[in-house]
Amino acid sequence: HPENMPYLPNLSASGIDFPSTLESVEKYYFDQALKLADGNESRAASLLGLSRDKFRYRRKKQP
């Protein structure tokens, strides 16, 4: 696992907290993109295949 990569639980009969898992994965990739882009949101968005507006909107929604 790369540093700070979120734990991805295995799906079992008892289920998983899917929304929380998605939030963790999204936050990880947003943080990584911002790091690679030296904090530039437009470049980070491009690295993730998102528009700058979509990137900012989804980042704001993160806990």
C-alpha atoms as a PDB file:
ATOM      1  CA  HIS A   1       0.000   0.000   0.000  1.00  0.00           C
ATOM      2  CA  PRO A   2       1.302   3.443  -0.881  1.00  0.00           C
ATOM      3  CA  GLU A   3       1.754   5.838   2.010  1.00  0.00           C
ATOM      4  CA  ASN A   4      -1.570   7.102   3.400  1.00  0.00           C
ATOM      5  CA  MET A   5      -3.578   4.923   0.989  1.00  0.00           C
ATOM      6  CA  PRO A   6      -6.950   4.264   2.586  1.00  0.00           C
ATOM      7  CA  TYR A   7      -7.740   0.758   3.744  1.00  0.00           C
ATOM      8  CA  LEU A   8     -10.114  -0.933   1.318  1.00  0.00           C
ATOM      9  CA  PRO A   9     -12.298  -3.429   3.159  1.00  0.00           C
ATOM     10  CA  ASN A  10     -13.285  -6.703   1.530  1.00  0.00           C
ATOM     11  CA  LEU A  11     -16.968  -7.076   0.823  1.00  0.00           C
ATOM     12  CA  SER A  12     -18.467  -9.724   3.068  1.00  0.00           C
ATOM     13  CA  ALA A  13     -21.913 -11.001   3.995  1.00  0.00           C
ATOM     14  CA  SER A  14     -22.087  -8.324   6.708  1.00  0.00           C
ATOM     15  CA  GLY A  15     -21.464  -5.570   4.122  1.00  0.00           C
ATOM     16  CA  ILE A  16     -19.268  -2.466   4.252  1.00  0.00           C
ATOM     17  CA  ASP A  17     -19.729   1.253   4.835  1.00  0.00           C
ATOM     18  CA  PHE A  18     -19.563   2.093   1.129  1.00  0.00           C
ATOM     19  CA  PRO A  19     -20.117   5.882   1.416  1.00  0.00           C
ATOM     20  CA  SER A  20     -17.301   6.184   3.946  1.00  0.00           C
ATOM     21  CA  THR A  21     -15.004   4.037   1.815  1.00  0.00           C
ATOM     22  CA  LEU A  22     -15.686   6.194  -1.252  1.00  0.00           C
ATOM     23  CA  GLU A  23     -14.989   9.366   0.739  1.00  0.00           C
ATOM     24  CA  SER A  24     -11.651   7.976   1.915  1.00  0.00           C
ATOM     25  CA  VAL A  25     -10.568   6.963  -1.574  1.00  0.00           C
ATOM     26  CA  GLU A  26     -11.669  10.278  -3.085  1.00  0.00           C
ATOM     27  CA  LYS A  27      -9.840  12.274  -0.400  1.00  0.00           C
ATOM     28  CA  TYR A  28      -6.689  10.224  -0.944  1.00  0.00           C
ATOM     29  CA  TYR A  29      -6.649  10.896  -4.692  1.00  0.00           C
ATOM     30  CA  PHE A  30      -7.548  14.566  -4.299  1.00  0.00           C
ATOM     31  CA  ASP A  31      -4.704  15.019  -1.806  1.00  0.00           C
ATOM     32  CA  GLN A  32      -2.268  13.170  -4.085  1.00  0.00           C
ATOM     33  CA  ALA A  33      -3.310  15.231  -7.122  1.00  0.00           C
ATOM     34  CA  LEU A  34      -2.885  18.479  -5.193  1.00  0.00           C
ATOM     35  CA  LYS A  35       0.553  17.366  -4.036  1.00  0.00           C
ATOM     36  CA  LEU A  36       1.635  16.486  -7.597  1.00  0.00           C
ATOM     37  CA  ALA A  37       0.212  19.791  -8.867  1.00  0.00           C
ATOM     38  CA  ASP A  38       1.979  21.826  -6.154  1.00  0.00           C
ATOM     39  CA  GLY A  39      -1.401  22.967  -4.824  1.00  0.00           C
ATOM     40  CA  ASN A  40      -2.723  24.129  -8.201  1.00  0.00           C
ATOM     41  CA  GLU A  41      -6.403  23.127  -8.272  1.00  0.00           C
ATOM     42  CA  SER A  42      -6.753  23.399 -12.056  1.00  0.00           C
ATOM     43  CA  ARG A  43      -3.810  21.062 -12.631  1.00  0.00           C
ATOM     44  CA  ALA A  44      -4.973  18.671  -9.890  1.00  0.00           C
ATOM     45  CA  ALA A  45      -8.423  18.537 -11.469  1.00  0.00           C
ATOM     46  CA  SER A  46      -6.849  17.777 -14.835  1.00  0.00           C
ATOM     47  CA  LEU A  47      -4.826  14.917 -13.323  1.00  0.00           C
ATOM     48  CA  LEU A  48      -8.093  13.389 -12.100  1.00  0.00           C
ATOM     49  CA  GLY A  49      -9.996  13.996 -15.327  1.00  0.00           C
ATOM     50  CA  LEU A  50     -12.306  16.523 -13.675  1.00  0.00           C
ATOM     51  CA  SER A  51     -13.180  20.105 -14.456  1.00  0.00           C
ATOM     52  CA  ARG A  52     -11.842  22.648 -11.963  1.00  0.00           C
ATOM     53  CA  ASP A  53     -15.393  23.443 -10.843  1.00  0.00           C
ATOM     54  CA  LYS A  54     -16.246  19.758 -10.303  1.00  0.00           C
ATOM     55  CA  PHE A  55     -12.976  19.280  -8.414  1.00  0.00           C
ATOM     56  CA  ARG A  56     -13.675  22.237  -6.113  1.00  0.00           C
ATOM     57  CA  TYR A  57     -17.295  21.149  -5.545  1.00  0.00           C
ATOM     58  CA  ARG A  58     -16.348  17.580  -4.624  1.00  0.00           C
ATOM     59  CA  ARG A  59     -13.442  18.736  -2.462  1.00  0.00           C
ATOM     60  CA  LYS A  60     -15.767  21.058  -0.526  1.00  0.00           C
ATOM     61  CA  LYS A  61     -18.095  18.126   0.198  1.00  0.00           C
ATOM     62  CA  GLN A  62     -15.308  16.150   1.868  1.00  0.00           C
ATOM     63  CA  PRO A  63     -15.456  15.918   5.658  1.00  0.00           C
END
